């Protein structure tokens, strides 16, 4: 099931990339720029609406693909055994709370 989701995610990336390149081409050849004052209303569409729509569509599609299906068996939890050898870090080191004369090591 996860292999199908990964395949769908790759397809979303490919479609999003192609759509993004198409939007980039439209932005480069923006019809609202130049000596056409009647096309000024298209500039907001080309500059803002198109790129944000492509992103929102790709984000929504990705969230839809990876949405949990609601089946409890697909949301498994496995408890990992933790042994003494698996401890990472300095848990066996004793904290430094006092010096030789009983003063706190952190207080000047």
N, C-alpha and C. Protein backbone atom coordinates (compact mmCIF):
# COMPACT_ATOMS: atom_id res chain seq x y z
N UNK A 1 0.83 -1.19 0.00
CA UNK A 1 0.00 0.00 0.00
C UNK A 1 0.87 1.25 0.00
N UNK A 2 1.99 1.22 0.74
CA UNK A 2 2.86 2.39 0.77
C UNK A 2 3.57 2.59 -0.56
N UNK A 3 3.84 1.51 -1.29
CA UNK A 3 4.48 1.64 -2.60
C UNK A 3 3.57 2.40 -3.56
N UNK A 4 2.27 2.16 -3.49
CA UNK A 4 1.33 2.88 -4.33
C UNK A 4 1.28 4.35 -3.95
N UNK A 5 1.37 4.64 -2.65
CA UNK A 5 1.36 6.03 -2.21
C UNK A 5 2.61 6.76 -2.66
N UNK A 6 3.74 6.06 -2.61
CA UNK A 6 4.99 6.68 -3.06
C UNK A 6 4.92 6.95 -4.56
N UNK A 7 4.37 6.01 -5.33
CA UNK A 7 4.22 6.19 -6.77
C UNK A 7 3.31 7.38 -7.06
N UNK A 8 2.20 7.48 -6.34
CA UNK A 8 1.29 8.61 -6.52
C UNK A 8 1.97 9.93 -6.14
N UNK A 9 2.79 9.89 -5.09
CA UNK A 9 3.50 11.10 -4.67
C UNK A 9 4.49 11.54 -5.74
N UNK A 10 5.17 10.58 -6.36
CA UNK A 10 6.09 10.92 -7.45
C UNK A 10 5.33 11.54 -8.62
N UNK A 11 4.15 11.00 -8.92
CA UNK A 11 3.34 11.57 -10.00
C UNK A 11 2.91 12.99 -9.68
N UNK A 12 2.58 13.24 -8.42
CA UNK A 12 2.20 14.59 -8.01
C UNK A 12 3.37 15.54 -8.19
N UNK A 13 4.57 15.10 -7.85
CA UNK A 13 5.77 15.94 -8.01
C UNK A 13 6.01 16.24 -9.48
N UNK A 14 5.86 15.23 -10.34
CA UNK A 14 6.08 15.43 -11.78
C UNK A 14 5.06 16.41 -12.35
N UNK A 15 3.79 16.20 -12.03
CA UNK A 15 2.74 17.09 -12.53
C UNK A 15 2.93 18.50 -11.97
N UNK A 16 3.28 18.61 -10.69
CA UNK A 16 3.52 19.92 -10.09
C UNK A 16 4.69 20.64 -10.73
N UNK A 17 5.74 19.89 -11.07
CA UNK A 17 6.91 20.49 -11.72
C UNK A 17 6.55 21.00 -13.12
N UNK A 18 5.84 20.19 -13.88
CA UNK A 18 5.43 20.61 -15.23
C UNK A 18 4.51 21.83 -15.14
N UNK A 19 3.56 21.80 -14.22
CA UNK A 19 2.66 22.95 -14.06
C UNK A 19 3.43 24.18 -13.60
N UNK A 20 4.41 24.00 -12.72
CA UNK A 20 5.22 25.13 -12.27
C UNK A 20 6.04 25.74 -13.39
N UNK A 21 6.58 24.88 -14.26
CA UNK A 21 7.34 25.39 -15.40
C UNK A 21 6.42 26.12 -16.38
N UNK A 22 5.19 25.63 -16.56
CA UNK A 22 4.22 26.32 -17.42
C UNK A 22 3.88 27.69 -16.84
N UNK A 23 3.70 27.76 -15.52
CA UNK A 23 3.41 29.05 -14.88
C UNK A 23 4.61 29.98 -15.03
N UNK A 24 5.82 29.44 -14.89
CA UNK A 24 7.02 30.27 -15.07
C UNK A 24 7.07 30.84 -16.48
N UNK A 25 6.73 30.03 -17.49
CA UNK A 25 6.72 30.52 -18.86
C UNK A 25 5.69 31.63 -19.04
N UNK A 26 4.52 31.48 -18.42
CA UNK A 26 3.49 32.52 -18.50
C UNK A 26 3.97 33.78 -17.80
N UNK A 27 4.68 33.63 -16.68
CA UNK A 27 5.17 34.80 -15.95
C UNK A 27 6.26 35.52 -16.75
N UNK A 28 7.10 34.77 -17.44
CA UNK A 28 8.15 35.41 -18.23
C UNK A 28 7.53 36.22 -19.37
N UNK A 29 6.52 35.66 -20.01
CA UNK A 29 5.85 36.33 -21.11
C UNK A 29 4.51 36.91 -20.65
N UNK A 30 4.53 37.62 -19.53
CA UNK A 30 3.31 38.19 -18.92
C UNK A 30 2.67 39.18 -19.89
N UNK A 31 1.42 38.89 -20.28
CA UNK A 31 0.77 39.80 -21.23
C UNK A 31 0.41 41.15 -20.62
N UNK A 32 0.43 41.27 -19.32
CA UNK A 32 0.05 42.53 -18.68
C UNK A 32 1.20 43.52 -18.64
N UNK A 33 2.40 43.07 -18.92
CA UNK A 33 3.55 43.97 -18.90
C UNK A 33 3.77 44.51 -20.31
N UNK A 34 4.00 45.76 -20.39
CA UNK A 34 4.26 46.36 -21.70
C UNK A 34 3.31 47.50 -21.99
N UNK A 35 3.02 47.66 -23.25
CA UNK A 35 2.22 48.80 -23.70
C UNK A 35 0.74 48.46 -23.80
N UNK A 36 0.27 47.52 -23.05
CA UNK A 36 -1.15 47.13 -23.09
C UNK A 36 -1.80 47.49 -21.75
N UNK A 37 -2.23 48.69 -21.57
CA UNK A 37 -2.83 49.06 -20.28
C UNK A 37 -4.16 48.36 -20.01
N UNK A 38 -4.80 47.83 -21.00
CA UNK A 38 -6.07 47.16 -20.80
C UNK A 38 -5.93 45.77 -20.17
N UNK A 39 -4.73 45.25 -20.13
CA UNK A 39 -4.50 43.90 -19.59
C UNK A 39 -3.92 43.92 -18.18
N UNK A 40 -4.00 45.06 -17.51
CA UNK A 40 -3.39 45.16 -16.18
C UNK A 40 -4.04 44.19 -15.19
N UNK A 41 -5.29 43.85 -15.37
CA UNK A 41 -5.99 42.94 -14.45
C UNK A 41 -5.46 41.52 -14.50
N UNK A 42 -4.82 41.15 -15.60
CA UNK A 42 -4.23 39.81 -15.69
C UNK A 42 -2.95 39.67 -14.89
N UNK A 43 -2.32 40.80 -14.56
CA UNK A 43 -1.04 40.72 -13.86
C UNK A 43 -1.16 40.03 -12.50
N UNK A 44 -2.21 40.32 -11.75
CA UNK A 44 -2.41 39.68 -10.45
C UNK A 44 -2.65 38.19 -10.62
N UNK A 45 -3.34 37.82 -11.68
CA UNK A 45 -3.58 36.40 -11.94
C UNK A 45 -2.27 35.68 -12.26
N UNK A 46 -1.48 36.29 -13.13
CA UNK A 46 -0.22 35.66 -13.54
C UNK A 46 0.81 35.68 -12.41
N UNK A 47 0.88 36.77 -11.67
CA UNK A 47 1.91 36.91 -10.64
C UNK A 47 1.57 36.16 -9.36
N UNK A 48 0.29 36.07 -9.00
CA UNK A 48 -0.06 35.49 -7.71
C UNK A 48 -0.95 34.26 -7.81
N UNK A 49 -2.04 34.36 -8.53
CA UNK A 49 -3.03 33.28 -8.53
C UNK A 49 -2.50 31.98 -9.12
N UNK A 50 -1.84 32.05 -10.26
CA UNK A 50 -1.37 30.81 -10.91
C UNK A 50 -0.33 30.06 -10.06
N UNK A 51 0.75 30.71 -9.59
CA UNK A 51 1.72 29.94 -8.80
C UNK A 51 1.15 29.40 -7.49
N UNK A 52 0.33 30.19 -6.82
CA UNK A 52 -0.24 29.73 -5.57
C UNK A 52 -1.26 28.62 -5.78
N UNK A 53 -1.96 28.65 -6.90
CA UNK A 53 -2.91 27.59 -7.21
C UNK A 53 -2.19 26.27 -7.48
N UNK A 54 -1.07 26.32 -8.18
CA UNK A 54 -0.30 25.11 -8.45
C UNK A 54 0.20 24.52 -7.13
N UNK A 55 0.73 25.38 -6.26
CA UNK A 55 1.22 24.89 -4.96
C UNK A 55 0.09 24.31 -4.12
N UNK A 56 -1.04 25.02 -4.08
CA UNK A 56 -2.17 24.54 -3.27
C UNK A 56 -2.71 23.21 -3.80
N UNK A 57 -2.76 23.06 -5.12
CA UNK A 57 -3.23 21.81 -5.70
C UNK A 57 -2.27 20.66 -5.39
N UNK A 58 -0.96 20.91 -5.50
CA UNK A 58 0.02 19.86 -5.19
C UNK A 58 -0.02 19.50 -3.71
N UNK A 59 -0.14 20.49 -2.84
CA UNK A 59 -0.22 20.24 -1.40
C UNK A 59 -1.47 19.45 -1.06
N UNK A 60 -2.60 19.84 -1.61
CA UNK A 60 -3.86 19.14 -1.34
C UNK A 60 -3.81 17.71 -1.86
N UNK A 61 -3.25 17.51 -3.04
CA UNK A 61 -3.14 16.16 -3.60
C UNK A 61 -2.24 15.29 -2.74
N UNK A 62 -1.12 15.83 -2.28
CA UNK A 62 -0.23 15.07 -1.41
C UNK A 62 -0.87 14.71 -0.08
N UNK A 63 -1.62 15.64 0.48
CA UNK A 63 -2.31 15.34 1.73
C UNK A 63 -3.41 14.31 1.52
N UNK A 64 -4.07 14.35 0.37
CA UNK A 64 -5.12 13.39 0.06
C UNK A 64 -4.53 11.99 -0.10
N UNK A 65 -3.37 11.91 -0.76
CA UNK A 65 -2.75 10.60 -0.97
C UNK A 65 -2.33 9.98 0.36
N UNK A 66 -1.76 10.76 1.25
CA UNK A 66 -1.23 10.23 2.51
C UNK A 66 -2.23 10.32 3.66
N UNK A 67 -3.50 10.60 3.36
CA UNK A 67 -4.52 10.66 4.40
C UNK A 67 -4.72 9.26 5.00
N UNK A 68 -4.77 9.13 6.32
CA UNK A 68 -5.02 7.81 6.92
C UNK A 68 -6.37 7.27 6.47
N UNK A 69 -6.43 5.96 6.29
CA UNK A 69 -7.67 5.37 5.78
C UNK A 69 -8.67 5.02 6.87
N UNK A 70 -8.30 5.18 8.11
CA UNK A 70 -9.24 4.94 9.21
C UNK A 70 -9.27 3.50 9.70
N UNK A 71 -8.52 2.62 9.07
CA UNK A 71 -8.48 1.23 9.51
C UNK A 71 -7.43 1.11 10.62
N UNK A 72 -7.81 0.54 11.76
CA UNK A 72 -6.85 0.45 12.87
C UNK A 72 -5.63 -0.42 12.54
N UNK A 73 -5.80 -1.42 11.70
CA UNK A 73 -4.66 -2.29 11.41
C UNK A 73 -3.62 -1.60 10.54
N UNK A 74 -4.00 -0.52 9.86
CA UNK A 74 -3.01 0.19 9.06
C UNK A 74 -2.21 1.18 9.89
N UNK A 75 -2.65 1.44 11.09
CA UNK A 75 -1.94 2.36 11.99
C UNK A 75 -1.33 1.56 13.12
N UNK A 76 -0.34 0.77 12.78
CA UNK A 76 0.26 -0.13 13.77
C UNK A 76 1.31 0.60 14.59
N UNK A 77 1.50 0.08 15.77
CA UNK A 77 2.52 0.59 16.68
C UNK A 77 3.34 -0.60 17.14
N UNK A 78 4.62 -0.45 17.06
CA UNK A 78 5.48 -1.53 17.53
C UNK A 78 6.39 -0.99 18.62
N UNK A 79 6.32 -1.61 19.78
CA UNK A 79 7.17 -1.20 20.89
C UNK A 79 8.56 -1.77 20.68
N UNK A 80 9.53 -0.92 20.77
CA UNK A 80 10.91 -1.36 20.61
C UNK A 80 11.48 -1.73 21.98
N UNK A 81 12.17 -2.84 22.02
CA UNK A 81 12.80 -3.24 23.27
C UNK A 81 14.02 -2.37 23.50
N UNK A 82 14.14 -1.88 24.69
CA UNK A 82 15.28 -1.05 25.00
C UNK A 82 16.11 -1.76 26.06
N UNK A 83 17.33 -2.04 25.72
CA UNK A 83 18.23 -2.72 26.65
C UNK A 83 19.29 -1.72 27.11
N UNK A 84 20.09 -2.15 28.03
CA UNK A 84 21.15 -1.28 28.56
C UNK A 84 22.15 -0.92 27.46
N UNK A 85 22.37 -1.85 26.54
CA UNK A 85 23.33 -1.58 25.47
C UNK A 85 22.79 -0.57 24.47
N UNK A 86 21.47 -0.39 24.42
CA UNK A 86 20.87 0.51 23.46
C UNK A 86 20.82 1.95 23.96
N UNK A 87 21.31 2.22 25.18
CA UNK A 87 21.27 3.56 25.74
C UNK A 87 22.25 4.46 24.98
N UNK A 88 21.75 5.59 24.56
CA UNK A 88 22.58 6.54 23.83
C UNK A 88 22.71 7.78 24.69
N UNK A 89 23.91 8.28 24.80
CA UNK A 89 24.13 9.49 25.58
C UNK A 89 24.92 9.18 26.83
N UNK A 90 24.93 10.11 27.76
CA UNK A 90 25.74 9.99 28.96
C UNK A 90 24.85 9.77 30.17
N UNK A 91 23.98 8.76 30.12
CA UNK A 91 23.08 8.54 31.24
C UNK A 91 23.79 7.95 32.45
N UNK A 92 24.97 7.34 32.26
CA UNK A 92 25.67 6.72 33.38
C UNK A 92 26.61 7.69 34.08
N UNK A 93 26.78 8.89 33.55
CA UNK A 93 27.67 9.87 34.16
C UNK A 93 26.92 10.56 35.29
N UNK A 94 27.55 10.63 36.44
CA UNK A 94 26.89 11.29 37.57
C UNK A 94 26.95 12.80 37.40
N UNK A 95 25.91 13.50 37.78
CA UNK A 95 25.91 14.95 37.61
C UNK A 95 26.89 15.62 38.55
N UNK A 96 27.43 16.71 38.11
CA UNK A 96 28.39 17.48 38.90
C UNK A 96 27.61 18.52 39.70
N UNK A 97 27.37 18.21 40.98
CA UNK A 97 26.59 19.13 41.81
C UNK A 97 27.41 19.80 42.89
N UNK A 98 28.59 19.35 43.14
CA UNK A 98 29.39 19.97 44.18
C UNK A 98 30.86 19.73 43.97
N UNK A 99 31.65 20.66 44.44
CA UNK A 99 33.10 20.52 44.33
C UNK A 99 33.65 19.79 45.52
N UNK A 100 34.97 19.86 45.70
CA UNK A 100 35.62 19.17 46.82
C UNK A 100 35.22 19.76 48.16
N UNK A 101 34.99 21.06 48.19
CA UNK A 101 34.65 21.69 49.44
C UNK A 101 33.15 21.78 49.67
N UNK A 102 32.36 21.12 48.81
CA UNK A 102 30.92 21.08 48.99
C UNK A 102 30.19 22.22 48.29
N UNK A 103 30.93 23.12 47.67
CA UNK A 103 30.29 24.22 46.95
C UNK A 103 29.74 23.70 45.63
N UNK A 104 28.75 24.39 45.17
CA UNK A 104 28.17 24.04 43.87
C UNK A 104 29.18 24.39 42.79
N UNK A 105 29.36 23.50 41.83
CA UNK A 105 30.36 23.68 40.79
C UNK A 105 29.98 24.82 39.85
N UNK A 106 28.71 25.13 39.74
CA UNK A 106 28.30 26.16 38.82
C UNK A 106 28.28 27.55 39.45
N UNK A 107 28.35 27.63 40.75
CA UNK A 107 28.31 28.95 41.38
C UNK A 107 29.73 29.44 41.59
N UNK A 108 30.16 30.32 40.71
CA UNK A 108 31.42 30.98 40.66
C UNK A 108 32.39 30.58 41.66
